[in-house]
Amino acid sequence: MIDLLQNCTKKDIFKILLQCIEYSFLKIIYSLKMSDINVLKNTVKSTVIKEMSEMGHEQIVFCYDKPTGLKAIIAIHDTTLGPALGGTRIWDYATEEEALQDALRLSRGMTFKNAISGLNLGGGKAVIIGDASKIKSEAFFRRFGQFIDSLGGKYITAEDVNMTTEDIENIAKETKHVTGMPQEKGGSGDPSPVTAYGVYMGMKAAAKHAFGSDRLAGKKIAVQGVGHVGSYLVDYLVKEKAEIYITDIFEEKLNAVAQKTGATIVSSDVYSLDVDIYAPCALGATINDESINKLQCRVIAGAANNQLADEKKHGEILRKKGVVYAPDFVINAGGVTNCYAEFTGKNNSDEVYSLTRNIYDTTLNILKKADQDGITPHEAALELALKRISNASKVKENY
């Protein structure tokens, strides 16, 4: 057993963790010697706990339910400013390790997003492992709701990738710690339109910083991902009379948006396009070692979370290339602002859009600060977010 554990890969460790959940710890522990148990504890600590420590997380919850097939991870990063709010996404991850990494990065991003947006919220995120087209059911989401409820309000969920307001309704049957309920039931509804509006505001601010004007008419803009948020963003760009190029892994979405808006479908490498603005609105880490040297754009402003595969390295490369990067956790905060309004009982659409409009000024200030201090926009935004959290930590304990 010792030899087995010592030779385990990270993937093997996560399989062991899931087996512990499914078959119970006792069945495994009774079969081990005390020395073997210590090896297991140290091996797990060297992976999950180490990564939590490095990224500053407070808690990771592994959720498994055999009857419904639910496999989920809830990551709570920081609750200094309040309960951790962040959406739940469903994705068919290749490995449990990949799912955990996504949950860790996304929850950390939510902490900074909520902090810099002035919201009294901490950062958290949940990921559900599986094919969204196959695993959904009322029982599935109700069971997930029970896991959320067991945290006693420390984590509040909302809609994210491959989730709908109907899914949120089913979660809400088991817990009150959920936002994004349908408007007809007193909720704030789908946060995607507000998220898109915030990205649009951030994009205009970044354009003003790069080109001297925030007018997008005639600007060539590539939108990568035309799902919930991306499609609404395209609508705003159409009104601005921008020249729009779109790409997505789902052909039906592409065709529908192209037919509705007249946008040009791109089948070639989107990173190599000669455009003014690149808007990543799908999954994260699209700005990486492979793509960064292909970029022809002057501005990057999109809705995707964690766009920089390596925040420091790739942020610095963009700075040296003269590419204006609007930090993702700054400009995609419209959705969480919408959810916060529902959470606080101030569910007023006009007020939400007014608050989201502030993303324009926030983005401009961050870009100016980055230039003045000789740092990347990501570093400038992070500095402001961490300062707010640090100040709050002096006067209150975590949630």
Protein backbone atom coordinates (compact mmCIF):
# COMPACT_ATOMS: atom_id res chain seq x y z
CA MET A 1 0.00 0.00 0.00
CA ILE A 2 2.84 2.38 0.90
CA ASP A 3 4.57 1.77 -2.41
CA LEU A 4 1.30 2.39 -4.24
CA LEU A 5 0.70 5.71 -2.54
CA GLN A 6 4.25 6.92 -3.00
CA ASN A 7 3.99 6.33 -6.74
CA CYS A 8 0.56 7.97 -7.08
CA THR A 9 0.04 10.70 -9.61
CA LYS A 10 -2.24 13.64 -8.86
CA LYS A 11 -4.92 11.95 -10.93
CA ASP A 12 -4.65 8.85 -8.76
CA ILE A 13 -4.95 10.91 -5.59
CA PHE A 14 -8.19 12.50 -6.73
CA LYS A 15 -9.57 9.07 -7.59
CA ILE A 16 -8.74 7.95 -4.05
CA LEU A 17 -10.54 11.00 -2.66
CA LEU A 18 -13.66 10.27 -4.65
CA GLN A 19 -13.55 6.62 -3.60
CA CYS A 20 -13.34 7.76 0.01
CA ILE A 21 -16.52 9.76 -0.51
CA GLU A 22 -18.34 6.98 -2.36
CA TYR A 23 -17.40 3.97 -0.27
CA SER A 24 -16.79 5.79 3.06
CA PHE A 25 -13.55 6.41 4.85
CA LEU A 26 -14.00 3.53 7.27
CA LYS A 27 -13.81 0.80 4.65
CA ILE A 28 -10.45 2.13 3.49
CA ILE A 29 -9.01 3.08 6.87
CA TYR A 30 -9.71 -0.34 8.42
CA SER A 31 -7.63 -1.98 5.68
CA LEU A 32 -4.57 0.20 6.34
CA LYS A 33 -1.79 0.12 8.86
CA MET A 34 -1.17 3.32 10.82
CA SER A 35 1.99 3.98 8.78
CA ASP A 36 -0.04 3.65 5.57
CA ILE A 37 -2.62 6.14 6.87
CA ASN A 38 0.14 8.67 7.55
CA VAL A 39 1.42 8.26 3.99
CA LEU A 40 -2.10 8.84 2.65
CA LYS A 41 -2.54 11.95 4.80
CA ASN A 42 0.82 13.38 3.77
CA THR A 43 0.24 12.62 0.08
CA VAL A 44 -3.17 14.31 0.05
CA LYS A 45 -1.74 17.24 1.99
CA SER A 46 1.02 17.65 -0.58
CA THR A 47 -1.55 18.08 -3.36
CA VAL A 48 -4.92 19.57 -2.41
CA ILE A 49 -3.93 21.31 0.84
CA LYS A 50 -0.75 22.63 -0.73
CA GLU A 51 -2.64 24.16 -3.64
CA MET A 52 -5.24 25.64 -1.28
CA SER A 53 -2.45 27.19 0.77
CA GLU A 54 -0.66 28.62 -2.26
CA MET A 55 -3.82 30.24 -3.61
CA GLY A 56 -5.19 31.33 -0.23
CA HIS A 57 -8.33 29.19 -0.06
CA GLU A 58 -10.31 28.64 3.11
CA GLN A 59 -12.27 25.52 2.24
CA ILE A 60 -12.79 22.92 -0.50
CA VAL A 61 -15.87 20.67 -0.42
CA PHE A 62 -16.00 17.48 -2.52
CA CYS A 63 -19.59 16.42 -3.20
CA TYR A 64 -20.68 12.98 -4.39
CA ASP A 65 -24.09 11.34 -4.59
CA LYS A 66 -24.33 7.87 -6.08
CA PRO A 67 -28.13 7.76 -6.78
CA THR A 68 -28.07 10.93 -8.93
CA GLY A 69 -24.50 10.62 -10.18
CA LEU A 70 -23.62 14.07 -8.83
CA LYS A 71 -19.89 14.87 -8.70
CA ALA A 72 -19.11 18.43 -7.70
CA ILE A 73 -16.49 20.61 -6.05
CA ILE A 74 -17.29 23.77 -4.09
CA ALA A 75 -14.31 26.08 -3.57
CA ILE A 76 -14.48 28.88 -1.01
CA HIS A 77 -11.56 31.26 -1.42
CA ASP A 78 -12.02 34.18 0.98
CA THR A 79 -14.90 35.39 3.13
CA THR A 80 -13.35 38.50 4.67
CA LEU A 81 -15.86 40.82 2.98
CA GLY A 82 -18.87 38.52 3.37
CA PRO A 83 -20.24 35.14 2.29
CA ALA A 84 -18.64 33.66 -0.81
CA LEU A 85 -20.82 34.23 -3.87
CA GLY A 86 -20.04 32.70 -7.24
CA GLY A 87 -21.81 30.65 -9.87
CA THR A 88 -21.90 26.94 -10.53
CA ARG A 89 -20.70 25.70 -13.90
CA ILE A 90 -21.16 22.29 -15.47
CA TRP A 91 -18.35 20.99 -17.63
CA ASP A 92 -17.24 17.60 -18.89
CA TYR A 93 -13.76 17.81 -17.40
CA ALA A 94 -11.19 15.29 -18.57
CA THR A 95 -10.01 14.65 -14.99
CA GLU A 96 -11.00 15.47 -11.43
CA GLU A 97 -7.74 17.38 -11.11
CA GLU A 98 -8.73 19.62 -14.02
CA ALA A 99 -12.08 20.28 -12.33
CA LEU A 100 -10.38 21.18 -9.05
CA GLN A 101 -7.96 23.54 -10.77
CA ASP A 102 -10.88 25.29 -12.45
CA ALA A 103 -12.74 25.62 -9.16
CA LEU A 104 -9.65 27.00 -7.40
CA ARG A 105 -8.90 29.59 -10.10
CA LEU A 106 -12.52 30.64 -10.57
CA SER A 107 -13.23 31.06 -6.84
CA ARG A 108 -10.07 33.13 -6.39
CA GLY A 109 -11.15 35.33 -9.27
CA MET A 110 -14.55 35.84 -7.62
CA THR A 111 -12.87 37.18 -4.47
CA PHE A 112 -11.10 39.87 -6.46
CA LYS A 113 -14.13 40.58 -8.65
CA ASN A 114 -16.41 41.13 -5.66
CA ALA A 115 -13.80 43.16 -3.81
CA ILE A 116 -12.97 45.58 -6.62
CA SER A 117 -16.68 46.00 -7.41
CA GLY A 118 -17.31 47.27 -3.89
CA LEU A 119 -19.59 44.37 -2.98
CA ASN A 120 -19.74 42.98 0.56
CA LEU A 121 -19.09 39.47 -0.68
CA GLY A 122 -16.30 36.93 -0.59
CA GLY A 123 -15.30 34.67 -3.44
CA GLY A 124 -16.43 31.13 -4.17
CA LYS A 125 -17.26 28.90 -7.10
CA ALA A 126 -18.67 25.46 -7.74
CA VAL A 127 -18.04 23.08 -10.62
CA ILE A 128 -20.10 20.03 -11.51
CA ILE A 129 -18.33 17.29 -13.44
CA GLY A 130 -20.22 15.82 -16.40
CA ASP A 131 -21.93 16.36 -19.72
CA ALA A 132 -24.68 18.94 -19.14
CA SER A 133 -26.82 17.43 -21.88
CA LYS A 134 -26.95 14.08 -20.06
CA ILE A 135 -26.80 14.57 -16.30
CA LYS A 136 -29.44 17.18 -15.49
CA SER A 137 -32.56 16.34 -13.49
CA GLU A 138 -34.59 17.81 -10.65
CA ALA A 139 -33.22 15.25 -8.19
CA PHE A 140 -29.66 15.99 -9.36
CA PHE A 141 -29.90 19.71 -8.61
CA ARG A 142 -31.88 19.23 -5.41
CA ARG A 143 -29.11 16.99 -4.09
CA PHE A 144 -26.57 19.64 -5.04
CA GLY A 145 -28.72 22.19 -3.21
CA GLN A 146 -28.49 20.07 -0.07
CA PHE A 147 -24.70 20.17 -0.23
CA ILE A 148 -24.81 23.97 -0.57
CA ASP A 149 -27.25 24.23 2.33
CA SER A 150 -24.94 22.19 4.55
CA LEU A 151 -22.46 25.09 4.42
CA GLY A 152 -24.90 27.30 6.33
CA GLY A 153 -24.72 30.31 4.04
CA LYS A 154 -20.95 30.48 3.72
CA TYR A 155 -21.35 29.86 -0.02
CA ILE A 156 -24.10 31.31 -2.24
CA THR A 157 -24.44 29.95 -5.74
CA ALA A 158 -25.71 31.41 -9.01
CA GLU A 159 -25.90 30.59 -12.70
CA ASP A 160 -22.77 29.95 -14.78
CA VAL A 161 -21.70 27.93 -17.82
CA ASN A 162 -24.28 25.30 -18.89
CA MET A 163 -26.70 26.33 -16.14
CA THR A 164 -30.20 27.80 -16.53
CA THR A 165 -32.71 29.58 -14.33
CA GLU A 166 -34.68 26.31 -14.25
CA ASP A 167 -31.64 24.58 -12.71
CA ILE A 168 -31.40 27.38 -10.16
CA GLU A 169 -35.06 26.86 -9.28
CA ASN A 170 -34.40 23.20 -8.51
CA ILE A 171 -31.40 24.05 -6.34
CA ALA A 172 -33.57 26.59 -4.49
CA LYS A 173 -35.98 23.82 -3.47
CA GLU A 174 -33.32 22.68 -0.98
CA THR A 175 -31.54 25.89 0.02
CA LYS A 176 -32.09 29.61 0.32
CA HIS A 177 -28.43 30.28 -0.42
CA VAL A 178 -28.94 30.77 -4.15
CA THR A 179 -29.42 33.74 -6.49
CA GLY A 180 -30.48 34.15 -10.10
CA MET A 181 -34.06 32.97 -9.60
CA PRO A 182 -36.48 33.78 -12.46
CA GLN A 183 -37.80 37.34 -12.41
CA GLU A 184 -41.39 36.14 -12.32
CA LYS A 185 -40.56 34.49 -8.99
CA GLY A 186 -39.00 37.57 -7.48
CA GLY A 187 -35.42 36.87 -8.54
CA SER A 188 -32.97 38.81 -10.68
CA GLY A 189 -33.19 36.32 -13.55
CA ASP A 190 -30.42 35.42 -15.97
CA PRO A 191 -27.34 37.55 -15.09
CA SER A 192 -25.91 37.24 -18.62
CA PRO A 193 -27.38 40.49 -20.04
CA VAL A 194 -25.92 42.53 -17.17
CA THR A 195 -22.57 40.75 -17.46
CA ALA A 196 -22.48 41.58 -21.17
CA TYR A 197 -23.30 45.22 -20.45
CA GLY A 198 -20.39 45.44 -18.00
CA VAL A 199 -18.02 43.90 -20.54
CA TYR A 200 -19.26 46.38 -23.11
CA MET A 201 -18.55 49.26 -20.71
CA GLY A 202 -15.08 47.86 -19.98
CA MET A 203 -14.38 47.42 -23.67
CA LYS A 204 -15.32 51.04 -24.40
CA ALA A 205 -13.03 52.23 -21.59
CA ALA A 206 -10.15 50.11 -22.89
CA ALA A 207 -10.76 51.45 -26.40
CA LYS A 208 -10.61 55.03 -25.11
CA HIS A 209 -7.31 54.26 -23.39
CA ALA A 210 -5.85 52.62 -26.51
CA PHE A 211 -7.32 54.70 -29.33
CA GLY A 212 -8.26 57.99 -27.68
CA SER A 213 -11.99 57.46 -28.23
CA ASP A 214 -14.50 54.99 -26.83
CA ARG A 215 -16.48 54.88 -30.07
CA LEU A 216 -16.49 51.34 -31.48
CA ALA A 217 -18.00 52.20 -34.87
CA GLY A 218 -15.84 50.67 -37.59
CA LYS A 219 -13.64 48.84 -35.11
CA LYS A 220 -12.86 45.21 -35.99
CA ILE A 221 -13.84 43.09 -33.01
CA ALA A 222 -13.43 39.32 -32.65
CA VAL A 223 -15.80 37.70 -30.13
CA GLN A 224 -14.71 34.22 -29.09
CA GLY A 225 -17.73 32.40 -27.66
CA VAL A 226 -21.29 33.48 -28.41
CA GLY A 227 -23.14 31.76 -25.58
CA HIS A 228 -25.28 33.60 -23.04
CA VAL A 229 -22.91 36.54 -22.47
CA GLY A 230 -21.15 36.63 -25.84
CA SER A 231 -24.38 36.85 -27.82
CA TYR A 232 -25.63 39.79 -25.73
CA LEU A 233 -22.25 41.49 -26.17
CA VAL A 234 -22.54 41.12 -29.95
CA ASP A 235 -25.92 42.89 -29.77
CA TYR A 236 -24.27 45.93 -28.15
CA LEU A 237 -21.50 45.92 -30.75
CA VAL A 238 -24.03 45.80 -33.57
CA LYS A 239 -25.66 48.97 -32.22
CA GLU A 240 -22.21 50.60 -32.23
CA LYS A 241 -21.80 49.58 -35.91
CA ALA A 242 -18.62 47.65 -35.23
CA GLU A 243 -17.23 45.11 -37.70
CA ILE A 244 -17.83 41.86 -35.82
CA TYR A 245 -16.20 38.44 -36.22
CA ILE A 246 -17.46 35.50 -34.18
CA THR A 247 -16.27 32.00 -33.34
CA ASP A 248 -17.59 29.20 -31.13
CA ILE A 249 -17.23 25.44 -30.76
CA PHE A 250 -21.01 25.11 -31.16
CA GLU A 251 -22.02 25.60 -34.79
CA GLU A 252 -25.71 26.12 -34.02
CA LYS A 253 -24.96 29.11 -31.79
CA LEU A 254 -22.65 30.58 -34.41
CA ASN A 255 -25.19 30.31 -37.19
CA ALA A 256 -27.98 31.74 -35.06
CA VAL A 257 -25.97 34.79 -33.97
CA ALA A 258 -24.61 35.37 -37.47
CA GLN A 259 -28.08 35.20 -38.99
CA LYS A 260 -29.49 37.60 -36.38
CA THR A 261 -26.68 40.17 -36.36
CA GLY A 262 -24.81 39.85 -39.65
CA ALA A 263 -21.55 39.04 -37.86
CA THR A 264 -18.92 37.17 -39.84
CA ILE A 265 -18.22 33.59 -38.80
CA VAL A 266 -14.53 32.79 -38.44
CA SER A 267 -13.38 29.23 -38.97
CA SER A 268 -9.64 30.00 -38.93
CA ASP A 269 -7.38 30.79 -35.97
CA VAL A 270 -9.11 33.66 -34.13
CA TYR A 271 -5.87 34.76 -32.46
CA SER A 272 -4.20 35.56 -35.78
CA LEU A 273 -7.03 37.78 -37.02
CA ASP A 274 -6.09 41.35 -37.88
CA VAL A 275 -8.58 43.02 -35.52
CA ASP A 276 -8.61 45.99 -33.17
CA ILE A 277 -10.21 44.20 -30.22
CA TYR A 278 -10.21 40.57 -29.13
CA ALA A 279 -13.06 39.60 -26.78
CA PRO A 280 -12.62 36.16 -25.16
CA CYS A 281 -16.08 35.12 -23.93
CA ALA A 282 -15.72 31.35 -23.60
CA LEU A 283 -13.51 29.41 -21.16
CA GLY A 284 -10.33 30.76 -19.59
CA ALA A 285 -6.60 30.59 -20.32
CA THR A 286 -6.97 31.48 -24.02
CA ILE A 287 -4.08 33.91 -23.66
CA ASN A 288 -1.26 31.42 -23.29
CA ASP A 289 2.21 30.54 -24.58
CA GLU A 290 0.79 29.34 -27.87
CA SER A 291 -1.67 32.14 -28.63
CA ILE A 292 -0.02 35.26 -27.23
CA ASN A 293 2.50 35.76 -30.02
CA LYS A 294 -0.21 35.38 -32.67
CA LEU A 295 -2.33 38.26 -31.38
CA GLN A 296 -2.73 41.20 -33.77
CA CYS A 297 -5.15 43.21 -31.62
CA ARG A 298 -4.56 46.43 -29.67
CA VAL A 299 -7.15 45.68 -26.97
CA ILE A 300 -8.28 42.56 -25.10
CA ALA A 301 -11.63 42.91 -23.35
CA GLY A 302 -13.94 39.94 -22.83
CA ALA A 303 -16.22 38.12 -20.46
CA ALA A 304 -14.25 34.90 -19.87
CA ASN A 305 -12.76 34.29 -16.42
CA ASN A 306 -9.01 33.75 -15.93
CA GLN A 307 -8.09 34.75 -19.47
CA LEU A 308 -4.35 34.83 -18.72
CA ALA A 309 -2.97 31.31 -18.39
CA ASP A 310 -0.11 32.78 -16.35
CA GLU A 311 -1.20 36.08 -14.82
CA LYS A 312 2.27 37.53 -14.27
CA LYS A 313 4.09 36.18 -17.32
CA HIS A 314 1.41 36.74 -19.95
CA GLY A 315 0.28 40.03 -18.43
CA GLU A 316 3.84 41.34 -18.77
CA ILE A 317 4.16 40.10 -22.36
CA LEU A 318 0.97 41.95 -23.30
CA ARG A 319 2.26 45.12 -21.62
CA LYS A 320 5.52 44.97 -23.60
CA LYS A 321 3.60 44.32 -26.82
CA GLY A 322 1.52 47.44 -26.18
CA VAL A 323 -1.74 45.49 -25.92
CA VAL A 324 -4.27 47.10 -23.58
CA TYR A 325 -5.71 44.35 -21.39
CA ALA A 326 -8.94 45.03 -19.48
CA PRO A 327 -8.73 42.66 -16.46
CA ASP A 328 -11.47 40.05 -16.72
CA PHE A 329 -12.53 40.16 -13.07
CA VAL A 330 -13.08 43.91 -13.40
CA ILE A 331 -15.20 44.08 -16.53
CA ASN A 332 -17.25 40.88 -16.17
CA ALA A 333 -18.60 41.89 -12.74
CA GLY A 334 -22.05 42.94 -13.99
CA GLY A 335 -23.52 39.51 -13.38
CA VAL A 336 -22.40 39.29 -9.77
CA THR A 337 -23.67 42.84 -9.19
CA ASN A 338 -27.04 41.61 -10.42
CA CYS A 339 -26.91 38.62 -8.06
CA TYR A 340 -25.84 40.82 -5.15
CA ALA A 341 -28.90 43.01 -5.65
CA GLU A 342 -31.09 39.93 -5.34
CA PHE A 343 -29.15 38.70 -2.31
CA THR A 344 -29.60 42.03 -0.48
CA GLY A 345 -33.25 42.37 -1.47
CA LYS A 346 -32.60 45.46 -3.61
CA ASN A 347 -33.56 43.83 -6.87
CA ASN A 348 -33.95 46.97 -8.99
CA SER A 349 -32.92 46.61 -12.63
CA ASP A 350 -32.24 50.32 -13.19
CA GLU A 351 -30.02 50.48 -10.12
CA VAL A 352 -28.13 47.33 -11.18
CA TYR A 353 -27.37 48.76 -14.62
CA SER A 354 -26.36 52.06 -13.07
CA LEU A 355 -23.87 50.30 -10.78
CA THR A 356 -22.60 48.20 -13.67
CA ARG A 357 -22.00 51.35 -15.70
CA ASN A 358 -19.31 52.24 -13.13
CA ILE A 359 -17.15 49.52 -14.69
CA TYR A 360 -16.26 52.10 -17.35
CA ASP A 361 -14.61 54.48 -14.87
CA THR A 362 -13.09 51.65 -12.82
CA THR A 363 -11.44 50.21 -15.93
CA LEU A 364 -10.08 53.59 -17.03
CA ASN A 365 -8.62 54.24 -13.57
CA ILE A 366 -6.94 50.82 -13.47
CA LEU A 367 -5.40 51.27 -16.92
CA LYS A 368 -4.09 54.71 -15.94
CA LYS A 369 -2.68 53.36 -12.68
CA ALA A 370 -0.94 50.53 -14.53
CA ASP A 371 0.76 52.99 -16.89
CA GLN A 372 1.79 55.33 -14.09
CA ASP A 373 3.20 52.55 -11.90
CA GLY A 374 4.81 50.61 -14.76
CA ILE A 375 2.85 47.46 -13.93
CA THR A 376 0.29 45.34 -15.77
CA PRO A 377 -3.44 46.16 -15.58
CA HIS A 378 -4.00 42.81 -13.88
CA GLU A 379 -1.49 43.72 -11.17
CA ALA A 380 -3.05 47.16 -10.76
CA ALA A 381 -6.54 45.71 -10.35
CA LEU A 382 -5.28 43.01 -8.00
CA GLU A 383 -3.54 45.60 -5.84
CA LEU A 384 -6.77 47.56 -5.39
CA ALA A 385 -8.81 44.46 -4.62
CA LEU A 386 -6.31 43.16 -2.07
CA LYS A 387 -6.12 46.57 -0.40
CA ARG A 388 -9.88 46.56 0.21
CA ILE A 389 -9.76 43.02 1.62
CA SER A 390 -6.79 43.88 3.84
CA ASN A 391 -8.51 46.96 5.23
CA ALA A 392 -11.68 44.99 5.96
CA SER A 393 -9.71 42.22 7.67
CA LYS A 394 -8.55 44.68 10.33
CA VAL A 395 -12.08 45.37 11.54
CA LYS A 396 -13.92 42.06 11.11
CA GLU A 397 -13.45 38.32 11.10
CA ASN A 398 -14.18 36.05 8.17
CA TYR A 399 -17.79 35.12 7.50
